[in-house]
Amino acid sequence: MRRLTDEDTPALAELAATDPVANVFVASHLAAHGRAAVSATGAEILGTFDGDGQLASACWLGANIVPVEVPAAHARAYADFIRHSRRRFASIFGPAEATLAIFAELSGQPARDVRTHQPLLAMDGAPALPADPLVRCTRVEDFDALAPACVSMFEEEVGYSPVTGGSDNYYRRVRQLIAEGHSFARFGADGSVVFKAELGSVSPEASQVQGVWVAPSQRGKGISHGGMAAVVEHARRLAPIVSLYVNDYNYKARASYRRVGFEQVGTFATVLF
């Protein structure tokens, strides 16, 4: 096992293409930056190689840990490196087997929450429901209205505020998604956010929806159905497959995604530190 370099970029791209939906996070990085070496943010990618020198698995180490085609047999090697790196990570997420195997090998590493079963959903066609015509790409001038909705979604999903101790990094990410055309929302007559979602990762083959949120006062009205259909239509202009993963206990969201046309194609897990 070693850190990947620029020379490993084609091999990493080929590995990620094994499952373009499950590996969209790393594939998106390659599409944006074109290299497997250490990124400008300090993130690095580790790889294990087989006896013929071929890249067999990989693991992204940045703010989060993201396995790429990691079999359970490789988990201990990655965990040993992670443990000795003394870096702090917010989470591990990805295919359930790899995620949970790496976490199990990080013996003694306490976690705030372990979500062992998160259905990975995808669709490669038009949505089954009409799109909400009021959902649009957000603009720079929408930031002041959008930011509180993004914070509320994060607090509900993760359990703490993303702006505790400083908001610069989180708000920079919100602005980046707006600038990239990966942020979508419906606004009410008073200018507040009614529905919103983002594309957290986009590769040439697939995108991954994140941050789906409906204003509490508007829940139970079916707004997410047309909203998600609109997001799918926008996302399919960037990549043919649209995906997301959802907590297994979020039955209402899962039912909504099924109505739009999403089907389960795998299982993710997330460990929050």
C-alpha atoms as a PDB file:
ATOM      1  CA  MET A   1       0.000   0.000   0.000  1.00  0.00           C
ATOM      2  CA  ARG A   2       1.208   3.505  -0.792  1.00  0.00           C
ATOM      3  CA  ARG A   3       0.053   7.025  -1.563  1.00  0.00           C
ATOM      4  CA  LEU A   4      -1.074   7.432  -5.157  1.00  0.00           C
ATOM      5  CA  THR A   5       0.769   9.808  -7.485  1.00  0.00           C
ATOM      6  CA  ASP A   6      -0.078  11.465 -10.793  1.00  0.00           C
ATOM      7  CA  GLU A   7       1.174   8.356 -12.594  1.00  0.00           C
ATOM      8  CA  ASP A   8      -1.600   6.356 -10.905  1.00  0.00           C
ATOM      9  CA  THR A   9      -4.379   8.601 -12.219  1.00  0.00           C
ATOM     10  CA  PRO A  10      -5.442   6.345 -15.155  1.00  0.00           C
ATOM     11  CA  ALA A  11      -5.500   3.281 -12.894  1.00  0.00           C
ATOM     12  CA  LEU A  12      -7.600   5.102 -10.287  1.00  0.00           C
ATOM     13  CA  ALA A  13     -10.049   6.247 -12.960  1.00  0.00           C
ATOM     14  CA  GLU A  14     -10.368   2.664 -14.196  1.00  0.00           C
ATOM     15  CA  LEU A  15     -10.913   1.396 -10.646  1.00  0.00           C
ATOM     16  CA  ALA A  16     -13.607   4.005  -9.933  1.00  0.00           C
ATOM     17  CA  ALA A  17     -15.345   3.091 -13.208  1.00  0.00           C
ATOM     18  CA  THR A  18     -15.930  -0.419 -11.818  1.00  0.00           C
ATOM     19  CA  ASP A  19     -18.996   1.054 -10.106  1.00  0.00           C
ATOM     20  CA  PRO A  20     -19.628   4.634 -11.264  1.00  0.00           C
ATOM     21  CA  VAL A  21     -22.490   5.122  -8.797  1.00  0.00           C
ATOM     22  CA  ALA A  22     -20.769   3.851  -5.650  1.00  0.00           C
ATOM     23  CA  ASN A  23     -17.486   5.567  -6.571  1.00  0.00           C
ATOM     24  CA  VAL A  24     -18.852   8.885  -7.799  1.00  0.00           C
ATOM     25  CA  PHE A  25     -17.085  10.852  -5.023  1.00  0.00           C
ATOM     26  CA  VAL A  26     -13.589   9.963  -6.240  1.00  0.00           C
ATOM     27  CA  ALA A  27     -14.634   9.966  -9.904  1.00  0.00           C
ATOM     28  CA  SER A  28     -15.923  13.510  -9.393  1.00  0.00           C
ATOM     29  CA  HIS A  29     -12.565  14.548  -7.936  1.00  0.00           C
ATOM     30  CA  LEU A  30     -10.771  13.098 -10.957  1.00  0.00           C
ATOM     31  CA  ALA A  31     -13.151  14.852 -13.343  1.00  0.00           C
ATOM     32  CA  ALA A  32     -12.539  18.194 -11.643  1.00  0.00           C
ATOM     33  CA  HIS A  33      -8.807  17.955 -10.960  1.00  0.00           C
ATOM     34  CA  GLY A  34      -7.493  15.176 -13.189  1.00  0.00           C
ATOM     35  CA  ARG A  35      -4.988  13.734 -10.758  1.00  0.00           C
ATOM     36  CA  ALA A  36      -4.637  11.065  -8.094  1.00  0.00           C
ATOM     37  CA  ALA A  37      -1.857  12.847  -6.206  1.00  0.00           C
ATOM     38  CA  VAL A  38      -2.295  14.930  -3.047  1.00  0.00           C
ATOM     39  CA  SER A  39      -4.914  17.633  -3.643  1.00  0.00           C
ATOM     40  CA  ALA A  40      -4.669  21.335  -2.908  1.00  0.00           C
ATOM     41  CA  THR A  41      -6.769  20.746   0.226  1.00  0.00           C
ATOM     42  CA  GLY A  42      -4.249  18.246   1.580  1.00  0.00           C
ATOM     43  CA  ALA A  43      -6.397  15.200   0.849  1.00  0.00           C
ATOM     44  CA  GLU A  44      -4.528  12.120  -0.340  1.00  0.00           C
ATOM     45  CA  ILE A  45      -5.487   8.815  -1.887  1.00  0.00           C
ATOM     46  CA  LEU A  46      -3.987   5.510  -0.776  1.00  0.00           C
ATOM     47  CA  GLY A  47      -3.886   2.445  -2.966  1.00  0.00           C
ATOM     48  CA  THR A  48      -3.209  -1.261  -2.601  1.00  0.00           C
ATOM     49  CA  PHE A  49      -1.650  -3.176  -5.483  1.00  0.00           C
ATOM     50  CA  ASP A  50      -1.832  -6.828  -6.476  1.00  0.00           C
ATOM     51  CA  GLY A  51       1.088  -9.086  -7.341  1.00  0.00           C
ATOM     52  CA  ASP A  52       1.156  -7.771 -10.910  1.00  0.00           C
ATOM     53  CA  GLY A  53       1.375  -4.178  -9.752  1.00  0.00           C
ATOM     54  CA  GLN A  54      -2.215  -3.395 -10.679  1.00  0.00           C
ATOM     55  CA  LEU A  55      -4.236  -1.046  -8.475  1.00  0.00           C
ATOM     56  CA  ALA A  56      -6.630  -3.288  -6.534  1.00  0.00           C
ATOM     57  CA  SER A  57      -8.341  -0.825  -4.182  1.00  0.00           C
ATOM     58  CA  ALA A  58      -8.055   2.769  -3.010  1.00  0.00           C
ATOM     59  CA  CYS A  59      -9.111   5.008  -0.158  1.00  0.00           C
ATOM     60  CA  TRP A  60      -9.575   8.785  -0.069  1.00  0.00           C
ATOM     61  CA  LEU A  61      -8.275  10.499   3.067  1.00  0.00           C
ATOM     62  CA  GLY A  62      -9.411  14.083   3.395  1.00  0.00           C
ATOM     63  CA  ALA A  63     -11.953  15.585   5.740  1.00  0.00           C
ATOM     64  CA  ASN A  64     -13.641  12.204   5.292  1.00  0.00           C
ATOM     65  CA  ILE A  65     -12.521   8.642   4.591  1.00  0.00           C
ATOM     66  CA  VAL A  66     -13.993   7.225   1.370  1.00  0.00           C
ATOM     67  CA  PRO A  67     -13.164   3.642   0.273  1.00  0.00           C
ATOM     68  CA  VAL A  68     -13.031   2.751  -3.417  1.00  0.00           C
ATOM     69  CA  GLU A  69     -13.525  -0.942  -4.249  1.00  0.00           C
ATOM     70  CA  VAL A  70     -12.026  -1.927  -0.886  1.00  0.00           C
ATOM     71  CA  PRO A  71     -12.585  -5.599   0.036  1.00  0.00           C
ATOM     72  CA  ALA A  72     -12.800  -6.483   3.710  1.00  0.00           C
ATOM     73  CA  ALA A  73      -9.371  -8.160   3.461  1.00  0.00           C
ATOM     74  CA  HIS A  74      -7.747  -4.766   2.771  1.00  0.00           C
ATOM     75  CA  ALA A  75      -9.453  -2.950   5.646  1.00  0.00           C
ATOM     76  CA  ARG A  76      -6.734  -3.573   8.235  1.00  0.00           C
ATOM     77  CA  ALA A  77      -3.987  -2.100   6.043  1.00  0.00           C
ATOM     78  CA  TYR A  78      -5.976   1.083   5.490  1.00  0.00           C
ATOM     79  CA  ALA A  79      -6.950   1.292   9.148  1.00  0.00           C
ATOM     80  CA  ASP A  80      -3.315   0.954  10.227  1.00  0.00           C
ATOM     81  CA  PHE A  81      -2.319   3.851   7.986  1.00  0.00           C
ATOM     82  CA  ILE A  82      -5.254   5.962   9.138  1.00  0.00           C
ATOM     83  CA  ARG A  83      -4.476   5.303  12.790  1.00  0.00           C
ATOM     84  CA  HIS A  84      -0.825   6.248  12.446  1.00  0.00           C
ATOM     85  CA  SER A  85      -1.556   9.325  10.320  1.00  0.00           C
ATOM     86  CA  ARG A  86      -2.973  11.064  13.409  1.00  0.00           C
ATOM     87  CA  ARG A  87      -5.318  13.011  11.145  1.00  0.00           C
ATOM     88  CA  ARG A  88      -8.823  13.906  12.259  1.00  0.00           C
ATOM     89  CA  PHE A  89     -11.744  12.804  10.122  1.00  0.00           C
ATOM     90  CA  ALA A  90     -15.401  13.796  10.193  1.00  0.00           C
ATOM     91  CA  SER A  91     -16.674  10.496   8.832  1.00  0.00           C
ATOM     92  CA  ILE A  92     -16.190   7.311   6.864  1.00  0.00           C
ATOM     93  CA  PHE A  93     -18.770   6.759   4.140  1.00  0.00           C
ATOM     94  CA  GLY A  94     -19.190   4.518   1.145  1.00  0.00           C
ATOM     95  CA  PRO A  95     -20.148   0.910   0.374  1.00  0.00           C
ATOM     96  CA  ALA A  96     -21.255  -0.670   3.635  1.00  0.00           C
ATOM     97  CA  GLU A  97     -18.903  -3.656   3.681  1.00  0.00           C
ATOM     98  CA  ALA A  98     -15.767  -1.553   3.199  1.00  0.00           C
ATOM     99  CA  THR A  99     -16.876   1.290   5.469  1.00  0.00           C
ATOM    100  CA  LEU A 100     -17.781  -0.953   8.374  1.00  0.00           C
ATOM    101  CA  ALA A 101     -14.704  -3.156   7.921  1.00  0.00           C
ATOM    102  CA  ILE A 102     -12.358  -0.152   8.111  1.00  0.00           C
ATOM    103  CA  PHE A 103     -14.190   1.176  11.156  1.00  0.00           C
ATOM    104  CA  ALA A 104     -14.005  -2.215  12.866  1.00  0.00           C
ATOM    105  CA  GLU A 105     -10.233  -2.228  12.360  1.00  0.00           C
ATOM    106  CA  LEU A 106      -9.941   1.251  13.898  1.00  0.00           C
ATOM    107  CA  SER A 107     -10.237  -0.344  17.311  1.00  0.00           C
ATOM    108  CA  GLY A 108     -10.840   2.144  20.079  1.00  0.00           C
ATOM    109  CA  GLN A 109     -11.868   4.953  17.737  1.00  0.00           C
ATOM    110  CA  PRO A 110     -15.130   6.316  19.231  1.00  0.00           C
ATOM    111  CA  ALA A 111     -17.938   7.286  16.880  1.00  0.00           C
ATOM    112  CA  ARG A 112     -20.879   9.614  17.453  1.00  0.00           C
ATOM    113  CA  ASP A 113     -23.128   7.585  15.178  1.00  0.00           C
ATOM    114  CA  VAL A 114     -22.857   4.475  13.011  1.00  0.00           C
ATOM    115  CA  ARG A 115     -25.420   4.166  10.224  1.00  0.00           C
ATOM    116  CA  THR A 116     -24.955   0.637   9.021  1.00  0.00           C
ATOM    117  CA  HIS A 117     -27.624   0.391   6.323  1.00  0.00           C
ATOM    118  CA  GLN A 118     -28.216   3.284   3.921  1.00  0.00           C
ATOM    119  CA  PRO A 119     -29.863   2.245   0.643  1.00  0.00           C
ATOM    120  CA  LEU A 120     -27.916   3.531  -2.372  1.00  0.00           C
ATOM    121  CA  LEU A 121     -30.456   4.594  -4.982  1.00  0.00           C
ATOM    122  CA  ALA A 122     -30.053   5.480  -8.654  1.00  0.00           C
ATOM    123  CA  MET A 123     -31.971   6.125 -11.855  1.00  0.00           C
ATOM    124  CA  ASP A 124     -30.807   6.534 -15.440  1.00  0.00           C
ATOM    125  CA  GLY A 125     -33.946   7.818 -17.087  1.00  0.00           C
ATOM    126  CA  ALA A 126     -36.504  10.584 -16.865  1.00  0.00           C
ATOM    127  CA  PRO A 127     -38.340  11.010 -13.550  1.00  0.00           C
ATOM    128  CA  ALA A 128     -41.645   9.184 -13.156  1.00  0.00           C
ATOM    129  CA  LEU A 129     -43.370  12.349 -11.875  1.00  0.00           C
ATOM    130  CA  PRO A 130     -43.711  15.856 -13.311  1.00  0.00           C
ATOM    131  CA  ALA A 131     -40.958  18.226 -12.234  1.00  0.00           C
ATOM    132  CA  ASP A 132     -41.808  21.224 -10.070  1.00  0.00           C
ATOM    133  CA  PRO A 133     -41.320  24.198 -12.427  1.00  0.00           C
ATOM    134  CA  LEU A 134     -40.538  26.476  -9.463  1.00  0.00           C
ATOM    135  CA  VAL A 135     -37.339  24.570  -8.615  1.00  0.00           C
ATOM    136  CA  ARG A 136     -34.360  26.278 -10.256  1.00  0.00           C
ATOM    137  CA  CYS A 137     -30.601  26.578 -10.060  1.00  0.00           C
ATOM    138  CA  THR A 138     -29.720  28.969  -7.286  1.00  0.00           C
ATOM    139  CA  ARG A 139     -27.781  32.169  -7.882  1.00  0.00           C
ATOM    140  CA  VAL A 140     -25.250  34.162  -5.902  1.00  0.00           C
ATOM    141  CA  GLU A 141     -27.945  36.551  -4.735  1.00  0.00           C
ATOM    142  CA  ASP A 142     -29.846  33.602  -3.193  1.00  0.00           C
ATOM    143  CA  PHE A 143     -27.092  32.871  -0.669  1.00  0.00           C
ATOM    144  CA  ASP A 144     -28.585  34.781   2.284  1.00  0.00           C
ATOM    145  CA  ALA A 145     -31.858  32.854   1.981  1.00  0.00           C
ATOM    146  CA  LEU A 146     -30.220  29.527   1.149  1.00  0.00           C
ATOM    147  CA  ALA A 147     -27.566  29.419   3.875  1.00  0.00           C
ATOM    148  CA  PRO A 148     -29.980  29.037   6.843  1.00  0.00           C
ATOM    149  CA  ALA A 149     -31.775  26.189   5.046  1.00  0.00           C
ATOM    150  CA  CYS A 150     -28.450  24.432   4.427  1.00  0.00           C
ATOM    151  CA  VAL A 151     -27.509  24.785   8.093  1.00  0.00           C
ATOM    152  CA  SER A 152     -30.910  23.473   9.207  1.00  0.00           C
ATOM    153  CA  MET A 153     -30.617  20.445   6.930  1.00  0.00           C
ATOM    154  CA  PHE A 154     -27.133  19.656   8.248  1.00  0.00           C
ATOM    155  CA  GLU A 155     -28.251  19.967  11.873  1.00  0.00           C
ATOM    156  CA  GLU A 156     -31.203  17.630  11.281  1.00  0.00           C
ATOM    157  CA  GLU A 157     -29.112  15.072   9.411  1.00  0.00           C
ATOM    158  CA  VAL A 158     -25.846  15.066  11.374  1.00  0.00           C
ATOM    159  CA  GLY A 159     -26.879  16.327  14.812  1.00  0.00           C
ATOM    160  CA  TYR A 160     -24.727  19.421  15.215  1.00  0.00           C
ATOM    161  CA  SER A 161     -24.300  22.788  13.509  1.00  0.00           C
ATOM    162  CA  PRO A 162     -21.762  22.985  10.660  1.00  0.00           C
ATOM    163  CA  VAL A 163     -20.974  26.590  11.615  1.00  0.00           C
ATOM    164  CA  THR A 164     -20.078  25.974  15.255  1.00  0.00           C
ATOM    165  CA  GLY A 165     -16.589  27.357  15.749  1.00  0.00           C
ATOM    166  CA  GLY A 166     -16.621  29.248  12.457  1.00  0.00           C
ATOM    167  CA  SER A 167     -18.743  29.390   9.332  1.00  0.00           C
ATOM    168  CA  ASP A 168     -16.152  30.198   6.660  1.00  0.00           C
ATOM    169  CA  ASN A 169     -15.493  26.657   5.429  1.00  0.00           C
ATOM    170  CA  TYR A 170     -19.114  25.596   5.352  1.00  0.00           C
ATOM    171  CA  TYR A 171     -20.379  28.746   3.668  1.00  0.00           C
ATOM    172  CA  ARG A 172     -17.522  28.540   1.166  1.00  0.00           C
ATOM    173  CA  ARG A 173     -18.826  25.125   0.161  1.00  0.00           C
ATOM    174  CA  VAL A 174     -22.393  26.450  -0.195  1.00  0.00           C
ATOM    175  CA  ARG A 175     -21.129  29.246  -2.441  1.00  0.00           C
ATOM    176  CA  GLN A 176     -19.054  26.792  -4.461  1.00  0.00           C
ATOM    177  CA  LEU A 177     -22.094  24.605  -5.190  1.00  0.00           C
ATOM    178  CA  ILE A 178     -24.035  27.669  -6.290  1.00  0.00           C
ATOM    179  CA  ALA A 179     -21.215  28.777  -8.583  1.00  0.00           C
ATOM    180  CA  GLU A 180     -20.926  25.306 -10.132  1.00  0.00           C
ATOM    181  CA  GLY A 181     -24.652  25.155 -10.899  1.00  0.00           C
ATOM    182  CA  HIS A 182     -25.061  22.229  -8.498  1.00  0.00           C
ATOM    183  CA  SER A 183     -27.484  23.893  -6.063  1.00  0.00           C
ATOM    184  CA  PHE A 184     -31.259  23.880  -6.605  1.00  0.00           C
ATOM    185  CA  ALA A 185     -34.144  25.365  -4.676  1.00  0.00           C
ATOM    186  CA  ARG A 186     -37.741  26.483  -4.712  1.00  0.00           C
ATOM    187  CA  PHE A 187     -38.446  29.777  -2.979  1.00  0.00           C
ATOM    188  CA  GLY A 188     -41.704  30.939  -1.420  1.00  0.00           C
ATOM    189  CA  ALA A 189     -43.453  34.247  -1.980  1.00  0.00           C
ATOM    190  CA  ASP A 190     -41.553  35.718   0.976  1.00  0.00           C
ATOM    191  CA  GLY A 191     -38.201  34.650  -0.482  1.00  0.00           C
ATOM    192  CA  SER A 192     -37.575  31.833   1.989  1.00  0.00           C
ATOM    193  CA  VAL A 193     -36.499  28.366   0.879  1.00  0.00           C
ATOM    194  CA  VAL A 194     -39.342  25.867   0.500  1.00  0.00           C
ATOM    195  CA  PHE A 195     -37.283  22.990  -0.966  1.00  0.00           C
ATOM    196  CA  LYS A 196     -33.609  22.572  -1.720  1.00  0.00           C
ATOM    197  CA  ALA A 197     -31.034  19.987  -2.757  1.00  0.00           C
ATOM    198  CA  GLU A 198     -27.517  19.899  -4.152  1.00  0.00           C
ATOM    199  CA  LEU A 199     -25.322  17.679  -6.281  1.00  0.00           C
ATOM    200  CA  GLY A 200     -22.430  16.888  -3.970  1.00  0.00           C
ATOM    201  CA  SER A 201     -20.477  14.910  -6.589  1.00  0.00           C
ATOM    202  CA  VAL A 202     -20.648  14.963 -10.385  1.00  0.00           C
ATOM    203  CA  SER A 203     -18.627  12.762 -12.743  1.00  0.00           C
ATOM    204  CA  PRO A 204     -19.154  12.206 -16.474  1.00  0.00           C
ATOM    205  CA  GLU A 205     -21.098   9.024 -15.638  1.00  0.00           C
ATOM    206  CA  ALA A 206     -23.094   9.900 -12.527  1.00  0.00           C
ATOM    207  CA  SER A 207     -24.086  12.546 -10.011  1.00  0.00           C
ATOM    208  CA  GLN A 208     -24.984  12.191  -6.347  1.00  0.00           C
ATOM    209  CA  VAL A 209     -27.757  14.256  -4.769  1.00  0.00           C
ATOM    210  CA  GLN A 210     -27.269  15.481  -1.217  1.00  0.00           C
ATOM    211  CA  GLY A 211     -28.825  17.914   1.233  1.00  0.00           C
ATOM    212  CA  VAL A 212     -32.461  17.298   0.326  1.00  0.00           C
ATOM    213  CA  TRP A 213     -34.582  19.481   2.609  1.00  0.00           C
ATOM    214  CA  VAL A 214     -38.153  20.757   2.842  1.00  0.00           C
ATOM    215  CA  ALA A 215     -39.073  23.651   5.117  1.00  0.00           C
ATOM    216  CA  PRO A 216     -40.746  22.231   8.262  1.00  0.00           C
ATOM    217  CA  SER A 217     -43.920  24.263   7.668  1.00  0.00           C
ATOM    218  CA  GLN A 218     -44.272  22.722   4.196  1.00  0.00           C
ATOM    219  CA  ARG A 219     -43.719  19.071   5.028  1.00  0.00           C
ATOM    220  CA  GLY A 220     -46.415  16.507   4.362  1.00  0.00           C
ATOM    221  CA  LYS A 221     -47.620  18.301   1.223  1.00  0.00           C
ATOM    222  CA  GLY A 222     -45.702  16.241  -1.341  1.00  0.00           C
ATOM    223  CA  ILE A 223     -43.385  19.109  -2.245  1.00  0.00           C
ATOM    224  CA  SER A 224     -40.354  16.811  -2.317  1.00  0.00           C
ATOM    225  CA  HIS A 225     -41.864  14.703  -5.117  1.00  0.00           C
ATOM    226  CA  GLY A 226     -41.882  17.404  -7.752  1.00  0.00           C
ATOM    227  CA  GLY A 227     -38.783  18.955  -6.236  1.00  0.00           C
ATOM    228  CA  MET A 228     -36.731  15.789  -6.627  1.00  0.00           C
ATOM    229  CA  ALA A 229     -38.095  15.256 -10.131  1.00  0.00           C
ATOM    230  CA  ALA A 230     -36.819  18.730 -11.011  1.00  0.00           C
ATOM    231  CA  VAL A 231     -33.415  17.979  -9.482  1.00  0.00           C
ATOM    232  CA  VAL A 232     -33.208  14.783 -11.530  1.00  0.00           C
ATOM    233  CA  GLU A 233     -33.959  16.702 -14.725  1.00  0.00           C
ATOM    234  CA  HIS A 234     -31.243  19.248 -13.942  1.00  0.00           C
ATOM    235  CA  ALA A 235     -28.754  16.521 -12.947  1.00  0.00           C
ATOM    236  CA  ARG A 236     -29.315  14.480 -16.119  1.00  0.00           C
ATOM    237  CA  ARG A 237     -27.999  17.423 -18.143  1.00  0.00           C
ATOM    238  CA  LEU A 238     -24.636  16.825 -16.453  1.00  0.00           C
ATOM    239  CA  ALA A 239     -24.477  13.005 -16.236  1.00  0.00           C
ATOM    240  CA  PRO A 240     -26.807  10.173 -17.295  1.00  0.00           C
ATOM    241  CA  ILE A 241     -27.162   8.511 -13.880  1.00  0.00           C
ATOM    242  CA  VAL A 242     -28.562  10.311 -10.833  1.00  0.00           C
ATOM    243  CA  SER A 243     -27.956   8.750  -7.421  1.00  0.00           C
ATOM    244  CA  LEU A 244     -28.253   9.339  -3.695  1.00  0.00           C
ATOM    245  CA  TYR A 245     -28.139   7.393  -0.448  1.00  0.00           C
ATOM    246  CA  VAL A 246     -30.627   7.645   2.379  1.00  0.00           C
ATOM    247  CA  ASN A 247     -30.950   6.450   5.965  1.00  0.00           C
ATOM    248  CA  ASP A 248     -32.916   3.215   6.091  1.00  0.00           C
ATOM    249  CA  TYR A 249     -35.174   4.564   8.847  1.00  0.00           C
ATOM    250  CA  ASN A 250     -36.235   7.587   6.774  1.00  0.00           C
ATOM    251  CA  TYR A 251     -39.296   5.837   5.371  1.00  0.00           C
ATOM    252  CA  LYS A 252     -40.986   8.991   4.079  1.00  0.00           C
ATOM    253  CA  ALA A 253     -37.939  10.042   2.073  1.00  0.00           C
ATOM    254  CA  ARG A 254     -37.487   6.534   0.691  1.00  0.00           C
ATOM    255  CA  ALA A 255     -41.116   6.428  -0.400  1.00  0.00           C
ATOM    256  CA  SER A 256     -40.741   9.818  -2.077  1.00  0.00           C
ATOM    257  CA  TYR A 257     -37.635   8.717  -3.967  1.00  0.00           C
ATOM    258  CA  ARG A 258     -39.393   5.554  -5.156  1.00  0.00           C
ATOM    259  CA  ARG A 259     -42.240   7.645  -6.529  1.00  0.00           C
ATOM    260  CA  VAL A 260     -39.778   9.748  -8.495  1.00  0.00           C
ATOM    261  CA  GLY A 261     -38.236   6.607 -10.006  1.00  0.00           C
ATOM    262  CA  PHE A 262     -35.181   5.764  -7.909  1.00  0.00           C
ATOM    263  CA  GLU A 263     -34.303   2.101  -7.347  1.00  0.00           C
ATOM    264  CA  GLN A 264     -31.870   0.568  -4.888  1.00  0.00           C
ATOM    265  CA  VAL A 265     -28.574  -0.463  -6.468  1.00  0.00           C
ATOM    266  CA  GLY A 266     -26.438  -1.008  -3.381  1.00  0.00           C
ATOM    267  CA  THR A 267     -25.994  -0.263   0.311  1.00  0.00           C
ATOM    268  CA  PHE A 268     -23.864   2.458   1.903  1.00  0.00           C
ATOM    269  CA  ALA A 269     -22.861   2.991   5.508  1.00  0.00           C
ATOM    270  CA  THR A 270     -21.681   6.110   7.318  1.00  0.00           C
ATOM    271  CA  VAL A 271     -19.650   6.416  10.502  1.00  0.00           C
ATOM    272  CA  LEU A 272     -19.733   9.897  12.075  1.00  0.00           C
ATOM    273  CA  PHE A 273     -16.934  10.922  14.408  1.00  0.00           C
END
